[in-house]
């Protein structure tokens, strides 16, 4: 299996369908590595290469267990500590959803959290997956002061439950 296909399989199983591989997410989102390797028919070295070379650092390998860092649609508590965010964060999206975002803010949709970036360029790359990107500025410091919770995943992605429209700046 090539590395790109393996990365997609890992993301799918660890974020959306662990039961398909007979896995149960443990606290923190971890699964034992051995049954995952057996299910996928790959070696530990192949998985290590994907974990170490994935430009988005989607996975963490810790001894004999692995997890997806964020993006889950299945119930999971990643056990991330509450973290004070920077004053400003960014969210990449596409023009087709701007009117809904203006009305409702950012919602996690089928995920557990809204994903935010520290740099506008990262948000631009995320938004470009669906065409011409639009980068929204999130007043994360003001949200935090208003009582909203923030978490930071192992790969630096900022997570929050939702972003109300009053904390967004549109281009």
C-alpha atoms as a PDB file:
ATOM      1  CA  UNK A   1       0.000   0.000   0.000  1.00  0.00           C
ATOM      2  CA  UNK A   2       1.471   3.391  -0.921  1.00  0.00           C
ATOM      3  CA  UNK A   3       1.917   6.052   1.759  1.00  0.00           C
ATOM      4  CA  UNK A   4      -0.877   8.339   0.543  1.00  0.00           C
ATOM      5  CA  UNK A   5      -3.410   5.505   0.537  1.00  0.00           C
ATOM      6  CA  UNK A   6      -2.201   4.320   3.949  1.00  0.00           C
ATOM      7  CA  UNK A   7      -2.551   7.853   5.351  1.00  0.00           C
ATOM      8  CA  UNK A   8      -6.133   8.047   4.069  1.00  0.00           C
ATOM      9  CA  UNK A   9      -6.954   4.626   5.508  1.00  0.00           C
ATOM     10  CA  UNK A  10      -5.501   5.582   8.892  1.00  0.00           C
ATOM     11  CA  UNK A  11      -7.444   8.860   8.925  1.00  0.00           C
ATOM     12  CA  UNK A  12     -10.688   7.091   8.023  1.00  0.00           C
ATOM     13  CA  UNK A  13     -10.332   4.315  10.581  1.00  0.00           C
ATOM     14  CA  UNK A  14      -8.976   6.405  13.454  1.00  0.00           C
ATOM     15  CA  UNK A  15     -11.339   9.372  12.969  1.00  0.00           C
ATOM     16  CA  UNK A  16     -14.547   7.950  11.559  1.00  0.00           C
ATOM     17  CA  UNK A  17     -14.844   4.143  11.556  1.00  0.00           C
ATOM     18  CA  UNK A  18     -12.643   2.335  14.113  1.00  0.00           C
ATOM     19  CA  UNK A  19     -15.294  -0.382  14.474  1.00  0.00           C
ATOM     20  CA  UNK A  20     -14.725  -1.340  10.813  1.00  0.00           C
ATOM     21  CA  UNK A  21     -11.285  -2.624  11.857  1.00  0.00           C
ATOM     22  CA  UNK A  22     -12.619  -4.108  15.115  1.00  0.00           C
ATOM     23  CA  UNK A  23     -11.073  -1.252  17.112  1.00  0.00           C
ATOM     24  CA  UNK A  24     -12.418   0.740  20.042  1.00  0.00           C
ATOM     25  CA  UNK A  25     -11.040   4.191  20.753  1.00  0.00           C
ATOM     26  CA  UNK A  26      -9.519   4.243  24.224  1.00  0.00           C
ATOM     27  CA  UNK A  27      -9.432   7.389  26.371  1.00  0.00           C
ATOM     28  CA  UNK A  28      -7.446  10.017  24.509  1.00  0.00           C
ATOM     29  CA  UNK A  29      -8.456   8.503  21.159  1.00  0.00           C
ATOM     30  CA  UNK A  30      -5.762   5.816  21.269  1.00  0.00           C
ATOM     31  CA  UNK A  31      -5.962   2.364  19.681  1.00  0.00           C
ATOM     32  CA  UNK A  32      -3.489  -0.509  19.990  1.00  0.00           C
ATOM     33  CA  UNK A  33      -1.188  -0.570  16.968  1.00  0.00           C
ATOM     34  CA  UNK A  34      -0.959  -4.363  16.465  1.00  0.00           C
ATOM     35  CA  UNK A  35      -4.593  -5.027  15.469  1.00  0.00           C
ATOM     36  CA  UNK A  36      -4.560  -1.973  13.198  1.00  0.00           C
ATOM     37  CA  UNK A  37      -1.431  -3.240  11.426  1.00  0.00           C
ATOM     38  CA  UNK A  38      -3.011  -6.684  11.042  1.00  0.00           C
ATOM     39  CA  UNK A  39      -6.250  -5.249   9.659  1.00  0.00           C
ATOM     40  CA  UNK A  40      -4.452  -3.047   7.132  1.00  0.00           C
ATOM     41  CA  UNK A  41      -1.828  -5.666   6.261  1.00  0.00           C
ATOM     42  CA  UNK A  42       1.033  -3.199   6.695  1.00  0.00           C
ATOM     43  CA  UNK A  43       4.201  -3.042   8.774  1.00  0.00           C
ATOM     44  CA  UNK A  44       5.016  -0.816  11.700  1.00  0.00           C
ATOM     45  CA  UNK A  45       7.747   0.784   9.560  1.00  0.00           C
ATOM     46  CA  UNK A  46       5.170   1.786   6.933  1.00  0.00           C
ATOM     47  CA  UNK A  47       2.941   3.391   9.575  1.00  0.00           C
ATOM     48  CA  UNK A  48       5.933   5.128  11.162  1.00  0.00           C
ATOM     49  CA  UNK A  49       6.847   6.606   7.759  1.00  0.00           C
ATOM     50  CA  UNK A  50       3.318   7.972   7.322  1.00  0.00           C
ATOM     51  CA  UNK A  51       3.221   9.374  10.857  1.00  0.00           C
ATOM     52  CA  UNK A  52       6.656  10.988  10.527  1.00  0.00           C
ATOM     53  CA  UNK A  53       6.267  12.389   7.002  1.00  0.00           C
ATOM     54  CA  UNK A  54       2.632  13.528   6.986  1.00  0.00           C
ATOM     55  CA  UNK A  55       2.846  17.278   6.376  1.00  0.00           C
ATOM     56  CA  UNK A  56      -0.237  17.905   8.531  1.00  0.00           C
ATOM     57  CA  UNK A  57       0.998  15.676  11.364  1.00  0.00           C
ATOM     58  CA  UNK A  58      -2.437  14.048  11.593  1.00  0.00           C
ATOM     59  CA  UNK A  59      -1.324  11.135  13.770  1.00  0.00           C
ATOM     60  CA  UNK A  60       0.638  10.478  16.948  1.00  0.00           C
ATOM     61  CA  UNK A  61       2.400   7.186  17.526  1.00  0.00           C
ATOM     62  CA  UNK A  62       3.264   6.455  21.167  1.00  0.00           C
ATOM     63  CA  UNK A  63       4.904   3.120  21.794  1.00  0.00           C
ATOM     64  CA  UNK A  64       2.413   0.430  20.828  1.00  0.00           C
ATOM     65  CA  UNK A  65      -0.541   2.745  20.259  1.00  0.00           C
ATOM     66  CA  UNK A  66      -1.631   5.354  17.715  1.00  0.00           C
ATOM     67  CA  UNK A  67      -4.264   8.068  17.448  1.00  0.00           C
ATOM     68  CA  UNK A  68      -5.564  10.723  15.082  1.00  0.00           C
ATOM     69  CA  UNK A  69      -4.815  14.153  16.536  1.00  0.00           C
ATOM     70  CA  UNK A  70      -8.216  15.661  15.694  1.00  0.00           C
ATOM     71  CA  UNK A  71     -11.040  15.578  13.149  1.00  0.00           C
ATOM     72  CA  UNK A  72     -13.095  12.754  14.654  1.00  0.00           C
ATOM     73  CA  UNK A  73     -16.737  12.217  13.790  1.00  0.00           C
ATOM     74  CA  UNK A  74     -17.104   9.330  16.270  1.00  0.00           C
ATOM     75  CA  UNK A  75     -17.454   9.973  20.008  1.00  0.00           C
ATOM     76  CA  UNK A  76     -14.050  10.481  21.605  1.00  0.00           C
ATOM     77  CA  UNK A  77     -12.468  12.485  24.395  1.00  0.00           C
ATOM     78  CA  UNK A  78      -8.960  13.373  23.245  1.00  0.00           C
ATOM     79  CA  UNK A  79      -8.154  14.490  26.784  1.00  0.00           C
ATOM     80  CA  UNK A  80      -6.612  17.716  25.595  1.00  0.00           C
ATOM     81  CA  UNK A  81      -6.084  20.325  28.303  1.00  0.00           C
ATOM     82  CA  UNK A  82      -7.917  23.628  28.191  1.00  0.00           C
ATOM     83  CA  UNK A  83      -5.502  26.130  26.670  1.00  0.00           C
ATOM     84  CA  UNK A  84      -5.487  29.923  26.466  1.00  0.00           C
ATOM     85  CA  UNK A  85      -5.536  30.775  22.744  1.00  0.00           C
ATOM     86  CA  UNK A  86      -3.634  33.541  21.011  1.00  0.00           C
ATOM     87  CA  UNK A  87      -5.557  36.772  20.455  1.00  0.00           C
ATOM     88  CA  UNK A  88      -6.235  35.886  16.820  1.00  0.00           C
ATOM     89  CA  UNK A  89      -6.730  32.585  15.001  1.00  0.00           C
ATOM     90  CA  UNK A  90      -7.821  31.824  11.438  1.00  0.00           C
ATOM     91  CA  UNK A  91     -10.271  29.556   9.643  1.00  0.00           C
ATOM     92  CA  UNK A  92     -10.120  28.621   5.966  1.00  0.00           C
ATOM     93  CA  UNK A  93     -13.304  28.006   4.031  1.00  0.00           C
ATOM     94  CA  UNK A  94     -14.852  28.643   0.596  1.00  0.00           C
ATOM     95  CA  UNK A  95     -17.194  31.372  -0.681  1.00  0.00           C
ATOM     96  CA  UNK A  96     -20.212  29.064  -0.952  1.00  0.00           C
ATOM     97  CA  UNK A  97     -20.704  28.904   2.806  1.00  0.00           C
ATOM     98  CA  UNK A  98     -20.038  32.524   3.769  1.00  0.00           C
ATOM     99  CA  UNK A  99     -23.681  33.565   4.074  1.00  0.00           C
ATOM    100  CA  UNK A 100     -24.429  30.680   6.433  1.00  0.00           C
ATOM    101  CA  UNK A 101     -21.320  31.509   8.474  1.00  0.00           C
ATOM    102  CA  UNK A 102     -22.372  35.169   8.689  1.00  0.00           C
ATOM    103  CA  UNK A 103     -25.717  34.024  10.165  1.00  0.00           C
ATOM    104  CA  UNK A 104     -24.671  31.057  12.308  1.00  0.00           C
ATOM    105  CA  UNK A 105     -20.922  31.398  12.870  1.00  0.00           C
ATOM    106  CA  UNK A 106     -18.584  28.443  12.540  1.00  0.00           C
ATOM    107  CA  UNK A 107     -20.019  25.095  13.574  1.00  0.00           C
ATOM    108  CA  UNK A 108     -18.208  21.751  13.783  1.00  0.00           C
ATOM    109  CA  UNK A 109     -20.616  20.137  11.298  1.00  0.00           C
ATOM    110  CA  UNK A 110     -19.982  16.352  11.525  1.00  0.00           C
ATOM    111  CA  UNK A 111     -16.836  16.782  13.639  1.00  0.00           C
ATOM    112  CA  UNK A 112     -16.404  17.413  17.360  1.00  0.00           C
ATOM    113  CA  UNK A 113     -14.783  20.832  17.076  1.00  0.00           C
ATOM    114  CA  UNK A 114     -14.182  23.742  14.751  1.00  0.00           C
ATOM    115  CA  UNK A 115     -10.566  23.660  13.540  1.00  0.00           C
ATOM    116  CA  UNK A 116      -8.571  26.892  13.645  1.00  0.00           C
ATOM    117  CA  UNK A 117      -5.039  27.791  12.557  1.00  0.00           C
ATOM    118  CA  UNK A 118      -2.396  29.998  14.094  1.00  0.00           C
ATOM    119  CA  UNK A 119      -1.284  31.307  10.663  1.00  0.00           C
ATOM    120  CA  UNK A 120      -3.463  32.666   7.853  1.00  0.00           C
ATOM    121  CA  UNK A 121      -1.449  30.700   5.269  1.00  0.00           C
ATOM    122  CA  UNK A 122      -2.388  27.382   6.889  1.00  0.00           C
ATOM    123  CA  UNK A 123      -6.050  28.448   6.877  1.00  0.00           C
ATOM    124  CA  UNK A 124      -5.710  29.421   3.201  1.00  0.00           C
ATOM    125  CA  UNK A 125      -4.390  25.940   2.366  1.00  0.00           C
ATOM    126  CA  UNK A 126      -7.308  24.338   4.233  1.00  0.00           C
ATOM    127  CA  UNK A 127      -9.833  26.539   2.428  1.00  0.00           C
ATOM    128  CA  UNK A 128      -8.246  25.799  -0.963  1.00  0.00           C
ATOM    129  CA  UNK A 129      -9.302  22.138  -0.754  1.00  0.00           C
ATOM    130  CA  UNK A 130     -12.728  23.171  -2.048  1.00  0.00           C
ATOM    131  CA  UNK A 131     -11.744  25.835  -4.573  1.00  0.00           C
ATOM    132  CA  UNK A 132     -10.947  29.496  -4.068  1.00  0.00           C
ATOM    133  CA  UNK A 133     -10.102  29.939  -0.375  1.00  0.00           C
ATOM    134  CA  UNK A 134     -11.526  32.524   1.988  1.00  0.00           C
ATOM    135  CA  UNK A 135      -9.706  33.155   5.282  1.00  0.00           C
ATOM    136  CA  UNK A 136     -11.762  34.307   8.258  1.00  0.00           C
ATOM    137  CA  UNK A 137     -10.167  35.951  11.278  1.00  0.00           C
ATOM    138  CA  UNK A 138     -11.333  34.623  14.648  1.00  0.00           C
ATOM    139  CA  UNK A 139     -11.113  36.862  17.704  1.00  0.00           C
ATOM    140  CA  UNK A 140     -10.013  33.946  19.888  1.00  0.00           C
ATOM    141  CA  UNK A 141      -8.810  36.082  22.785  1.00  0.00           C
ATOM    142  CA  UNK A 142     -12.176  37.800  23.067  1.00  0.00           C
ATOM    143  CA  UNK A 143     -13.941  34.430  22.808  1.00  0.00           C
ATOM    144  CA  UNK A 144     -11.810  33.059  25.619  1.00  0.00           C
ATOM    145  CA  UNK A 145     -12.570  36.092  27.786  1.00  0.00           C
ATOM    146  CA  UNK A 146     -16.275  35.494  27.079  1.00  0.00           C
ATOM    147  CA  UNK A 147     -15.995  31.947  28.445  1.00  0.00           C
ATOM    148  CA  UNK A 148     -15.400  29.830  25.333  1.00  0.00           C
ATOM    149  CA  UNK A 149     -13.049  26.848  25.706  1.00  0.00           C
ATOM    150  CA  UNK A 150     -10.035  26.184  23.487  1.00  0.00           C
ATOM    151  CA  UNK A 151      -7.784  23.167  23.064  1.00  0.00           C
ATOM    152  CA  UNK A 152      -4.622  22.657  21.037  1.00  0.00           C
ATOM    153  CA  UNK A 153      -4.011  19.297  19.407  1.00  0.00           C
ATOM    154  CA  UNK A 154      -0.594  17.639  19.209  1.00  0.00           C
ATOM    155  CA  UNK A 155      -0.069  18.995  15.694  1.00  0.00           C
ATOM    156  CA  UNK A 156      -0.880  22.602  16.591  1.00  0.00           C
ATOM    157  CA  UNK A 157      -4.479  22.778  15.368  1.00  0.00           C
ATOM    158  CA  UNK A 158      -6.659  24.904  17.666  1.00  0.00           C
ATOM    159  CA  UNK A 159     -10.061  23.451  18.545  1.00  0.00           C
ATOM    160  CA  UNK A 160     -13.226  25.020  19.929  1.00  0.00           C
ATOM    161  CA  UNK A 161     -16.857  23.898  20.003  1.00  0.00           C
ATOM    162  CA  UNK A 162     -18.143  26.735  17.788  1.00  0.00           C
ATOM    163  CA  UNK A 163     -17.363  30.319  16.823  1.00  0.00           C
ATOM    164  CA  UNK A 164     -20.331  32.705  17.111  1.00  0.00           C
ATOM    165  CA  UNK A 165     -20.561  35.249  14.260  1.00  0.00           C
ATOM    166  CA  UNK A 166     -19.768  38.197  16.531  1.00  0.00           C
ATOM    167  CA  UNK A 167     -16.212  36.838  16.946  1.00  0.00           C
ATOM    168  CA  UNK A 168     -15.548  36.595  13.201  1.00  0.00           C
ATOM    169  CA  UNK A 169     -14.014  39.085  10.814  1.00  0.00           C
ATOM    170  CA  UNK A 170     -14.753  38.578   7.140  1.00  0.00           C
ATOM    171  CA  UNK A 171     -12.454  39.709   4.291  1.00  0.00           C
END
